[in-house]
Every structure is written in C-alpha cells, then in structure tokens.
Amino acid sequence: MIENQKIRPAKVIGPLGEPLSIDDLPPPSTKRWVVRRKAEVVAAVNGGLLTIDDVLERYGLTLEEFASWQRAVDRSGMQGLRVTRIQHYRDLYERQLKY
C-alpha cells in the first residue's frame, strides 16, 4: 500500500483554456509578472499542478502576494490581476457586496 504519495496531474486547464504543464509555467527566475503569468500560476495551484508552498518557494513570493492574486482572479477574472486597474476592481467588488 502506498501512503502519502503526492499524486498530481500532468496538465491542468490554463487561464486561456489551453493545457498547462509544469514546463509551460513561468521560469523560477521571473521578475516581471504580467497578467498572463500570474493567471497561469494561480491556475496551476487551483488545478493541483503545484502546491502553494511550491509556488512560494519556486517564485520567491509571499503568501499574501499569492493570496491577493487568487482573490483577484476569483473576484474579477484575469482582468483583476492588472496592476494599473487594481483600485477600480476593488471598488467594483465592494459595491457588489453592498447590493
């Protein structure tokens, strides 16, 4: 009997509907985080390709930073990851909660 074996899928569905594997993820040396790269990492965690601990170690992110990406995707989709529009999407989300 195999216990505590980490079973992970070889591929998950990426943010644009394409198959996403470990090789398709941004390299660990990534410094410039564009919307697509953030969304790919979030999709990898949501699909079970990587764990949150794997992501934090691989990319040198903080838990708060990654959690903010997940919240943004949950609330507004990929558009919520745009740094230039972050306040707009926060305000929109807060208004939706009121009504």
Protein backbone atom coordinates (compact mmCIF):
# COMPACT_ATOMS: atom_id res chain seq x y z
CA MET A 1 0.00 0.00 0.00
CA ILE A 2 1.32 3.41 -0.97
CA GLU A 3 0.74 6.07 1.64
CA ASN A 4 1.27 9.80 1.45
CA GLN A 5 2.01 9.63 -2.25
CA LYS A 6 1.56 13.01 -3.84
CA ILE A 7 -0.50 12.45 -6.95
CA ARG A 8 -0.56 15.45 -9.23
CA PRO A 9 -1.97 15.84 -12.72
CA ALA A 10 0.47 16.16 -15.59
CA LYS A 11 -1.58 19.02 -17.07
CA VAL A 12 -4.34 21.38 -15.99
CA ILE A 13 -6.50 23.84 -17.88
CA GLY A 14 -4.77 27.22 -18.09
CA PRO A 15 -6.39 30.63 -17.81
CA LEU A 16 -6.98 30.82 -21.55
CA GLY A 17 -8.38 27.28 -21.82
CA GLU A 18 -5.14 25.70 -23.04
CA PRO A 19 -3.44 22.69 -21.41
CA LEU A 20 -0.83 23.85 -18.89
CA SER A 21 2.05 21.70 -17.64
CA ILE A 22 4.97 22.42 -15.31
CA ASP A 23 7.12 23.16 -18.37
CA ASP A 24 4.63 25.80 -19.55
CA LEU A 25 4.76 27.77 -16.29
CA PRO A 26 6.88 30.92 -15.99
CA PRO A 27 10.53 30.17 -15.15
CA PRO A 28 11.58 30.46 -11.49
CA SER A 29 13.72 33.47 -12.38
CA THR A 30 10.65 35.52 -13.41
CA LYS A 31 10.85 39.10 -12.16
CA ARG A 32 8.22 40.78 -14.36
CA TRP A 33 4.77 39.47 -13.51
CA VAL A 34 2.31 40.21 -16.28
CA VAL A 35 -1.35 39.21 -16.02
CA ARG A 36 -0.98 36.01 -18.04
CA ARG A 37 1.91 34.71 -15.92
CA LYS A 38 0.09 35.42 -12.66
CA ALA A 39 -3.04 33.70 -14.01
CA GLU A 40 -1.03 30.65 -15.09
CA VAL A 41 0.44 30.24 -11.61
CA VAL A 42 -2.98 30.62 -9.98
CA ALA A 43 -4.45 28.06 -12.41
CA ALA A 44 -1.61 25.65 -11.64
CA VAL A 45 -2.37 25.81 -7.91
CA ASN A 46 -6.14 25.62 -8.39
CA GLY A 47 -5.73 22.58 -10.65
CA GLY A 48 -3.33 20.79 -8.30
CA LEU A 49 -0.28 21.04 -10.56
CA LEU A 50 1.64 22.88 -7.81
CA THR A 51 1.00 23.47 -4.13
CA ILE A 52 1.03 26.93 -2.61
CA ASP A 53 4.27 26.04 -0.84
CA ASP A 54 5.81 25.03 -4.19
CA VAL A 55 4.82 28.37 -5.72
CA LEU A 56 6.14 30.44 -2.81
CA GLU A 57 9.48 28.65 -2.90
CA ARG A 58 9.79 28.47 -6.70
CA TYR A 59 9.00 32.14 -7.34
CA GLY A 60 10.05 33.78 -4.07
CA LEU A 61 6.57 35.16 -3.44
CA THR A 62 4.96 35.89 -0.10
CA LEU A 63 1.78 34.13 0.91
CA GLU A 64 -0.03 37.47 0.97
CA GLU A 65 1.07 38.29 -2.57
CA PHE A 66 -0.08 34.97 -3.97
CA ALA A 67 -3.33 35.11 -1.99
CA SER A 68 -4.04 38.53 -3.49
CA TRP A 69 -3.64 37.03 -6.98
CA GLN A 70 -6.10 34.26 -6.12
CA ARG A 71 -8.63 36.75 -4.72
CA ALA A 72 -8.29 38.95 -7.79
CA VAL A 73 -8.93 36.01 -10.14
CA ASP A 74 -11.89 34.81 -8.05
CA ARG A 75 -13.46 38.27 -7.99
CA SER A 76 -12.73 39.68 -11.44
CA GLY A 77 -11.02 37.04 -13.56
CA MET A 78 -7.75 37.77 -15.29
CA GLN A 79 -8.61 41.47 -15.56
CA GLY A 80 -8.44 41.72 -11.78
CA LEU A 81 -4.71 40.96 -11.95
CA ARG A 82 -3.96 44.17 -13.83
CA VAL A 83 -1.93 46.37 -11.51
CA THR A 84 -2.96 49.56 -13.30
CA ARG A 85 -6.66 48.87 -12.64
CA ILE A 86 -6.49 47.26 -9.19
CA GLN A 87 -8.32 50.08 -7.40
CA HIS A 88 -11.11 50.03 -9.99
CA TYR A 89 -11.72 46.32 -9.47
CA ARG A 90 -11.55 46.66 -5.66
CA ASP A 91 -14.17 49.40 -5.76
CA LEU A 92 -16.35 47.36 -8.11
CA TYR A 93 -16.16 44.33 -5.83
CA GLU A 94 -17.02 46.39 -2.73
CA ARG A 95 -20.04 47.91 -4.50
CA GLN A 96 -21.25 44.44 -5.48
CA LEU A 97 -21.06 43.33 -1.85
CA LYS A 98 -23.29 46.21 -0.75
CA TYR A 99 -26.18 45.29 -3.07
